[in-house]
Amino acid sequence: MIKAGISLAALLLVSGCTVHQSIGHNFGAYLSEPDGAEFVGTGHMCKRGQSAFMYIYRPPSQWAMDEIEAPSFNVNGERLFNIKGGGYTWYELEPGEYDLVIRRGLFGFEGIESFEIHRLSEISFSAQAGQIYYWRYSEIDPAPITPDLERTPLGDGPLQLVAPNLAFKEMSQTRMLDDGMQKLSALQLESDPELEQVFEGQVDESEEEGSWWWPF
């Protein structure tokens, strides 16, 4: 079945379709527990003020540790890793906008184009230089509301932004995943060429009847 999934994904890629898949990386903690280093904070590295950091972790639970297939964690349209129970990782972020999406598939196949088997979470946030973000993923127990959470509460479904004290407590029970420790680029937002021309004074609004009004 796994070979069939790989063959299908390869065929769709050749055809030019956008395929969402994590075949070969989708094994859950039941089949392959995280076995990396215990949690050690690295967020102090962002004190240079030029980067942000984000941690992503999944606290161990019977549900998470008995999972056969782990969901994929995607940033700005790219799969970075599959998040296993009892695992954590971190990324350095260029300041800017980021889209986080978590998908669950079947034998690593998660969807084609706009069709997805199961999208579990989708969050957009703006990473600020010098800040550290702790993302907690749990399908059975949502993150508790903490009074010392300095940032606006942010989350979708099982993925929640949590306070450092909760993250430190739970991440001490996790181990490093194989993926991570990279620097990510911010999402490049598409600009509107016509709007740019207006700002640059290149559009003569008198040329066309019914053109939109620019008061400045």
C-alpha atoms as a PDB file:
ATOM      1  CA  MET A   1       0.000   0.000   0.000  1.00  0.00           C
ATOM      2  CA  ILE A   2       2.871   2.367   0.805  1.00  0.00           C
ATOM      3  CA  LYS A   3       4.512   1.572  -2.549  1.00  0.00           C
ATOM      4  CA  ALA A   4       1.210   2.297  -4.269  1.00  0.00           C
ATOM      5  CA  GLY A   5       1.016   5.663  -2.518  1.00  0.00           C
ATOM      6  CA  ILE A   6       4.550   6.545  -3.604  1.00  0.00           C
ATOM      7  CA  SER A   7       3.752   5.577  -7.192  1.00  0.00           C
ATOM      8  CA  LEU A   8       0.575   7.677  -7.158  1.00  0.00           C
ATOM      9  CA  ALA A   9       2.369  10.718  -5.753  1.00  0.00           C
ATOM     10  CA  ALA A  10       5.147  10.383  -8.338  1.00  0.00           C
ATOM     11  CA  LEU A  11       2.619  10.153 -11.164  1.00  0.00           C
ATOM     12  CA  LEU A  12       0.786  13.276  -9.967  1.00  0.00           C
ATOM     13  CA  LEU A  13       4.004  15.221  -9.592  1.00  0.00           C
ATOM     14  CA  VAL A  14       4.982  14.371 -13.161  1.00  0.00           C
ATOM     15  CA  SER A  15       1.575  15.561 -14.340  1.00  0.00           C
ATOM     16  CA  GLY A  16       2.215  18.999 -12.772  1.00  0.00           C
ATOM     17  CA  CYS A  17      -0.346  18.723  -9.961  1.00  0.00           C
ATOM     18  CA  THR A  18       0.389  20.114  -6.506  1.00  0.00           C
ATOM     19  CA  VAL A  19       0.527  17.045  -4.273  1.00  0.00           C
ATOM     20  CA  HIS A  20       0.389  17.291  -0.488  1.00  0.00           C
ATOM     21  CA  GLN A  21       2.305  14.325   0.868  1.00  0.00           C
ATOM     22  CA  SER A  22       4.811  13.217   3.495  1.00  0.00           C
ATOM     23  CA  ILE A  23       5.384   9.655   2.330  1.00  0.00           C
ATOM     24  CA  GLY A  24       8.296   8.076   4.175  1.00  0.00           C
ATOM     25  CA  HIS A  25       8.208  10.727   6.924  1.00  0.00           C
ATOM     26  CA  ASN A  26       4.721  10.051   8.246  1.00  0.00           C
ATOM     27  CA  PHE A  27       5.475   7.315  10.795  1.00  0.00           C
ATOM     28  CA  GLY A  28       3.988   8.078  14.195  1.00  0.00           C
ATOM     29  CA  ALA A  29       5.530   7.589  17.630  1.00  0.00           C
ATOM     30  CA  TYR A  30       4.161   4.044  17.899  1.00  0.00           C
ATOM     31  CA  LEU A  31       6.393   2.991  15.016  1.00  0.00           C
ATOM     32  CA  SER A  32       9.283   5.405  15.596  1.00  0.00           C
ATOM     33  CA  GLU A  33       9.518   7.420  18.801  1.00  0.00           C
ATOM     34  CA  PRO A  34      11.517  10.670  18.855  1.00  0.00           C
ATOM     35  CA  ASP A  35      14.990   9.781  20.099  1.00  0.00           C
ATOM     36  CA  GLY A  36      16.897  13.039  19.817  1.00  0.00           C
ATOM     37  CA  ALA A  37      18.346  15.225  22.542  1.00  0.00           C
ATOM     38  CA  GLU A  38      16.275  16.355  25.484  1.00  0.00           C
ATOM     39  CA  PHE A  39      14.914  19.892  25.362  1.00  0.00           C
ATOM     40  CA  VAL A  40      17.509  22.643  25.702  1.00  0.00           C
ATOM     41  CA  GLY A  41      16.481  26.250  25.145  1.00  0.00           C
ATOM     42  CA  THR A  42      18.115  27.999  22.200  1.00  0.00           C
ATOM     43  CA  GLY A  43      15.924  31.073  22.063  1.00  0.00           C
ATOM     44  CA  HIS A  44      18.676  33.232  23.557  1.00  0.00           C
ATOM     45  CA  MET A  45      20.220  33.195  20.092  1.00  0.00           C
ATOM     46  CA  CYS A  46      17.615  35.709  18.914  1.00  0.00           C
ATOM     47  CA  LYS A  47      18.909  38.363  21.318  1.00  0.00           C
ATOM     48  CA  ARG A  48      20.757  39.793  18.343  1.00  0.00           C
ATOM     49  CA  GLY A  49      17.355  41.245  17.494  1.00  0.00           C
ATOM     50  CA  GLN A  50      17.503  40.207  13.843  1.00  0.00           C
ATOM     51  CA  SER A  51      15.561  36.937  14.047  1.00  0.00           C
ATOM     52  CA  ALA A  52      12.604  35.329  15.765  1.00  0.00           C
ATOM     53  CA  PHE A  53      12.418  31.750  17.012  1.00  0.00           C
ATOM     54  CA  MET A  54       9.575  29.270  17.166  1.00  0.00           C
ATOM     55  CA  TYR A  55       9.385  25.987  19.028  1.00  0.00           C
ATOM     56  CA  ILE A  56       6.859  23.332  18.034  1.00  0.00           C
ATOM     57  CA  TYR A  57       6.197  20.461  20.398  1.00  0.00           C
ATOM     58  CA  ARG A  58       3.697  17.703  21.082  1.00  0.00           C
ATOM     59  CA  PRO A  59       3.387  16.597  24.707  1.00  0.00           C
ATOM     60  CA  PRO A  60       3.355  12.820  25.216  1.00  0.00           C
ATOM     61  CA  SER A  61       0.002  11.149  25.850  1.00  0.00           C
ATOM     62  CA  GLN A  62      -1.325   7.670  25.255  1.00  0.00           C
ATOM     63  CA  TRP A  63      -3.133   8.928  22.155  1.00  0.00           C
ATOM     64  CA  ALA A  64      -0.044  10.641  20.739  1.00  0.00           C
ATOM     65  CA  MET A  65       2.390   7.832  21.567  1.00  0.00           C
ATOM     66  CA  ASP A  66       0.113   5.126  20.114  1.00  0.00           C
ATOM     67  CA  GLU A  67      -0.275   6.995  16.836  1.00  0.00           C
ATOM     68  CA  ILE A  68       0.771   5.130  13.700  1.00  0.00           C
ATOM     69  CA  GLU A  69       0.690   8.072  11.308  1.00  0.00           C
ATOM     70  CA  ALA A  70       1.795  11.542  12.391  1.00  0.00           C
ATOM     71  CA  PRO A  71       0.402  14.702  10.745  1.00  0.00           C
ATOM     72  CA  SER A  72       2.629  16.998   8.718  1.00  0.00           C
ATOM     73  CA  PHE A  73       3.640  20.524   9.743  1.00  0.00           C
ATOM     74  CA  ASN A  74       3.778  22.941   6.805  1.00  0.00           C
ATOM     75  CA  VAL A  75       5.051  26.517   6.685  1.00  0.00           C
ATOM     76  CA  ASN A  76       4.338  28.836   3.762  1.00  0.00           C
ATOM     77  CA  GLY A  77       3.309  25.911   1.568  1.00  0.00           C
ATOM     78  CA  GLU A  78       6.307  23.701   2.363  1.00  0.00           C
ATOM     79  CA  ARG A  79       6.280  20.569   4.522  1.00  0.00           C
ATOM     80  CA  LEU A  80       8.942  20.858   7.202  1.00  0.00           C
ATOM     81  CA  PHE A  81       8.369  17.758   9.335  1.00  0.00           C
ATOM     82  CA  ASN A  82       5.776  15.377  10.776  1.00  0.00           C
ATOM     83  CA  ILE A  83       4.962  16.059  14.389  1.00  0.00           C
ATOM     84  CA  LYS A  84       5.201  12.907  16.526  1.00  0.00           C
ATOM     85  CA  GLY A  85       3.998  12.495  20.072  1.00  0.00           C
ATOM     86  CA  GLY A  86       6.697  13.298  22.607  1.00  0.00           C
ATOM     87  CA  GLY A  87       8.723  15.322  20.119  1.00  0.00           C
ATOM     88  CA  TYR A  88       9.814  18.929  19.649  1.00  0.00           C
ATOM     89  CA  THR A  89      11.853  21.009  17.236  1.00  0.00           C
ATOM     90  CA  TRP A  90      12.699  24.651  16.590  1.00  0.00           C
ATOM     91  CA  TYR A  91      13.246  27.052  13.705  1.00  0.00           C
ATOM     92  CA  GLU A  92      14.828  30.460  13.346  1.00  0.00           C
ATOM     93  CA  LEU A  93      12.525  32.875  11.539  1.00  0.00           C
ATOM     94  CA  GLU A  94      13.200  35.850   9.376  1.00  0.00           C
ATOM     95  CA  PRO A  95      10.801  38.569  10.615  1.00  0.00           C
ATOM     96  CA  GLY A  96       7.610  38.642   8.565  1.00  0.00           C
ATOM     97  CA  GLU A  97       4.429  36.740   7.788  1.00  0.00           C
ATOM     98  CA  TYR A  98       4.044  32.958   8.144  1.00  0.00           C
ATOM     99  CA  ASP A  99       1.245  30.539   7.307  1.00  0.00           C
ATOM    100  CA  LEU A 100       1.171  27.350   9.398  1.00  0.00           C
ATOM    101  CA  VAL A 101      -0.870  24.369   8.193  1.00  0.00           C
ATOM    102  CA  ILE A 102      -1.143  20.892   9.726  1.00  0.00           C
ATOM    103  CA  ARG A 103      -2.540  18.036   7.636  1.00  0.00           C
ATOM    104  CA  ARG A 104      -3.301  14.412   8.326  1.00  0.00           C
ATOM    105  CA  GLY A 105      -3.150  11.989   5.444  1.00  0.00           C
ATOM    106  CA  LEU A 106      -3.413   8.302   4.671  1.00  0.00           C
ATOM    107  CA  PHE A 107      -0.142   6.418   4.224  1.00  0.00           C
ATOM    108  CA  GLY A 108       1.552   9.784   3.750  1.00  0.00           C
ATOM    109  CA  PHE A 109      -0.762  11.010   0.995  1.00  0.00           C
ATOM    110  CA  GLU A 110      -2.585  14.154   2.146  1.00  0.00           C
ATOM    111  CA  GLY A 111      -4.300  15.579  -0.919  1.00  0.00           C
ATOM    112  CA  ILE A 112      -4.087  17.092  -4.388  1.00  0.00           C
ATOM    113  CA  GLU A 113      -4.363  20.786  -5.192  1.00  0.00           C
ATOM    114  CA  SER A 114      -7.253  22.223  -3.117  1.00  0.00           C
ATOM    115  CA  PHE A 115      -8.494  18.766  -2.043  1.00  0.00           C
ATOM    116  CA  GLU A 116      -7.131  17.654   1.317  1.00  0.00           C
ATOM    117  CA  ILE A 117      -7.931  14.536   3.297  1.00  0.00           C
ATOM    118  CA  HIS A 118      -7.904  16.390   6.618  1.00  0.00           C
ATOM    119  CA  ARG A 119      -6.625  19.848   7.489  1.00  0.00           C
ATOM    120  CA  LEU A 120      -6.260  19.981  11.258  1.00  0.00           C
ATOM    121  CA  SER A 121      -5.001  23.531  11.786  1.00  0.00           C
ATOM    122  CA  GLU A 122      -4.356  26.693   9.822  1.00  0.00           C
ATOM    123  CA  ILE A 123      -2.838  29.797  11.396  1.00  0.00           C
ATOM    124  CA  SER A 124      -1.272  32.962  10.015  1.00  0.00           C
ATOM    125  CA  PHE A 125       0.948  35.055  12.248  1.00  0.00           C
ATOM    126  CA  SER A 126       3.555  37.775  12.052  1.00  0.00           C
ATOM    127  CA  ALA A 127       6.970  36.927  13.493  1.00  0.00           C
ATOM    128  CA  GLN A 128       8.659  39.852  15.202  1.00  0.00           C
ATOM    129  CA  ALA A 129      12.422  40.171  15.552  1.00  0.00           C
ATOM    130  CA  GLY A 130      13.684  39.180  18.995  1.00  0.00           C
ATOM    131  CA  GLN A 131      10.534  37.228  19.899  1.00  0.00           C
ATOM    132  CA  ILE A 132      10.198  33.518  20.764  1.00  0.00           C
ATOM    133  CA  TYR A 133       6.999  31.632  19.900  1.00  0.00           C
ATOM    134  CA  TYR A 134       5.977  28.340  21.511  1.00  0.00           C
ATOM    135  CA  TRP A 135       3.499  26.279  19.478  1.00  0.00           C
ATOM    136  CA  ARG A 136       1.852  23.379  21.290  1.00  0.00           C
ATOM    137  CA  TYR A 137       0.113  20.596  19.363  1.00  0.00           C
ATOM    138  CA  SER A 138      -2.295  18.240  21.111  1.00  0.00           C
ATOM    139  CA  GLU A 139      -5.387  16.551  19.726  1.00  0.00           C
ATOM    140  CA  ILE A 140      -6.848  15.440  23.060  1.00  0.00           C
ATOM    141  CA  ASP A 141      -6.283  18.296  25.517  1.00  0.00           C
ATOM    142  CA  PRO A 142      -6.341  21.926  24.377  1.00  0.00           C
ATOM    143  CA  ALA A 143      -3.833  24.313  25.872  1.00  0.00           C
ATOM    144  CA  PRO A 144      -5.062  25.855  29.142  1.00  0.00           C
ATOM    145  CA  ILE A 145      -5.621  29.594  29.337  1.00  0.00           C
ATOM    146  CA  THR A 146      -2.630  31.090  31.129  1.00  0.00           C
ATOM    147  CA  PRO A 147      -2.796  34.539  32.770  1.00  0.00           C
ATOM    148  CA  ASP A 148       0.843  35.339  31.961  1.00  0.00           C
ATOM    149  CA  LEU A 149       0.501  34.895  28.200  1.00  0.00           C
ATOM    150  CA  GLU A 150       1.825  38.231  26.993  1.00  0.00           C
ATOM    151  CA  ARG A 151       0.751  37.823  23.389  1.00  0.00           C
ATOM    152  CA  THR A 152      -2.804  37.706  22.119  1.00  0.00           C
ATOM    153  CA  PRO A 153      -4.088  34.103  22.394  1.00  0.00           C
ATOM    154  CA  LEU A 154      -3.677  32.479  19.006  1.00  0.00           C
ATOM    155  CA  GLY A 155      -4.555  29.013  17.823  1.00  0.00           C
ATOM    156  CA  ASP A 156      -6.644  26.772  15.628  1.00  0.00           C
ATOM    157  CA  GLY A 157      -7.850  23.372  16.769  1.00  0.00           C
ATOM    158  CA  PRO A 158      -5.006  21.333  18.274  1.00  0.00           C
ATOM    159  CA  LEU A 159      -2.298  23.931  17.491  1.00  0.00           C
ATOM    160  CA  GLN A 160      -2.036  26.691  20.101  1.00  0.00           C
ATOM    161  CA  LEU A 161       0.411  29.456  20.937  1.00  0.00           C
ATOM    162  CA  VAL A 162       1.256  29.005  24.628  1.00  0.00           C
ATOM    163  CA  ALA A 163       3.153  30.767  27.383  1.00  0.00           C
ATOM    164  CA  PRO A 164       6.836  29.943  27.995  1.00  0.00           C
ATOM    165  CA  ASN A 165       6.264  28.496  31.477  1.00  0.00           C
ATOM    166  CA  LEU A 166       3.835  25.876  30.147  1.00  0.00           C
ATOM    167  CA  ALA A 167       6.099  25.106  27.188  1.00  0.00           C
ATOM    168  CA  PHE A 168       9.179  24.616  29.392  1.00  0.00           C
ATOM    169  CA  LYS A 169       7.280  22.298  31.724  1.00  0.00           C
ATOM    170  CA  GLU A 170       5.920  20.080  28.967  1.00  0.00           C
ATOM    171  CA  MET A 171       8.916  20.186  26.641  1.00  0.00           C
ATOM    172  CA  SER A 172      11.091  18.733  29.393  1.00  0.00           C
ATOM    173  CA  GLN A 173       9.227  15.468  28.675  1.00  0.00           C
ATOM    174  CA  THR A 174       9.973  15.545  24.945  1.00  0.00           C
ATOM    175  CA  ARG A 175      12.902  14.743  22.693  1.00  0.00           C
ATOM    176  CA  MET A 176      14.228  16.468  19.612  1.00  0.00           C
ATOM    177  CA  LEU A 177      12.810  15.394  16.258  1.00  0.00           C
ATOM    178  CA  ASP A 178      15.095  14.670  13.328  1.00  0.00           C
ATOM    179  CA  ASP A 179      13.964  17.776  11.429  1.00  0.00           C
ATOM    180  CA  GLY A 180      14.405  21.406  12.392  1.00  0.00           C
ATOM    181  CA  MET A 181      17.180  23.818  13.384  1.00  0.00           C
ATOM    182  CA  GLN A 182      16.868  25.777  10.127  1.00  0.00           C
ATOM    183  CA  LYS A 183      16.263  29.405   9.258  1.00  0.00           C
ATOM    184  CA  LEU A 184      13.012  30.097   7.417  1.00  0.00           C
ATOM    185  CA  SER A 185      12.208  32.966   5.081  1.00  0.00           C
ATOM    186  CA  ALA A 186       9.080  35.031   5.520  1.00  0.00           C
ATOM    187  CA  LEU A 187       6.145  34.810   3.157  1.00  0.00           C
ATOM    188  CA  GLN A 188       6.548  37.120   0.191  1.00  0.00           C
ATOM    189  CA  LEU A 189       3.210  38.881  -0.117  1.00  0.00           C
ATOM    190  CA  GLU A 190       2.073  39.552  -3.657  1.00  0.00           C
ATOM    191  CA  SER A 191       1.713  43.207  -4.530  1.00  0.00           C
ATOM    192  CA  ASP A 192      -0.878  44.827  -6.738  1.00  0.00           C
ATOM    193  CA  PRO A 193       0.955  46.355  -9.771  1.00  0.00           C
ATOM    194  CA  GLU A 194      -1.855  48.841 -10.457  1.00  0.00           C
ATOM    195  CA  LEU A 195      -1.848  50.021  -6.854  1.00  0.00           C
ATOM    196  CA  GLU A 196       1.937  50.411  -6.974  1.00  0.00           C
ATOM    197  CA  GLN A 197       1.598  52.605 -10.083  1.00  0.00           C
ATOM    198  CA  VAL A 198      -0.893  54.813  -8.269  1.00  0.00           C
ATOM    199  CA  PHE A 199       1.495  55.297  -5.361  1.00  0.00           C
ATOM    200  CA  GLU A 200       4.266  56.137  -7.812  1.00  0.00           C
ATOM    201  CA  GLY A 201       2.036  58.657  -9.644  1.00  0.00           C
ATOM    202  CA  GLN A 202       2.062  56.696 -12.899  1.00  0.00           C
ATOM    203  CA  VAL A 203      -1.706  56.426 -13.338  1.00  0.00           C
ATOM    204  CA  ASP A 204      -3.684  59.226 -14.946  1.00  0.00           C
ATOM    205  CA  GLU A 205      -7.192  58.807 -13.573  1.00  0.00           C
ATOM    206  CA  SER A 206      -8.668  61.214 -16.177  1.00  0.00           C
ATOM    207  CA  GLU A 207      -7.913  58.833 -19.032  1.00  0.00           C
ATOM    208  CA  GLU A 208     -10.772  56.488 -18.248  1.00  0.00           C
ATOM    209  CA  GLU A 209     -14.299  57.327 -17.313  1.00  0.00           C
ATOM    210  CA  GLY A 210     -15.344  55.659 -14.089  1.00  0.00           C
ATOM    211  CA  SER A 211     -11.789  55.228 -12.816  1.00  0.00           C
ATOM    212  CA  TRP A 212     -11.477  55.050  -9.026  1.00  0.00           C
ATOM    213  CA  TRP A 213     -10.843  58.231  -7.088  1.00  0.00           C
ATOM    214  CA  TRP A 214      -7.440  58.887  -5.496  1.00  0.00           C
ATOM    215  CA  PRO A 215      -7.728  61.900  -3.126  1.00  0.00           C
ATOM    216  CA  PHE A 216      -4.016  62.493  -2.455  1.00  0.00           C
END
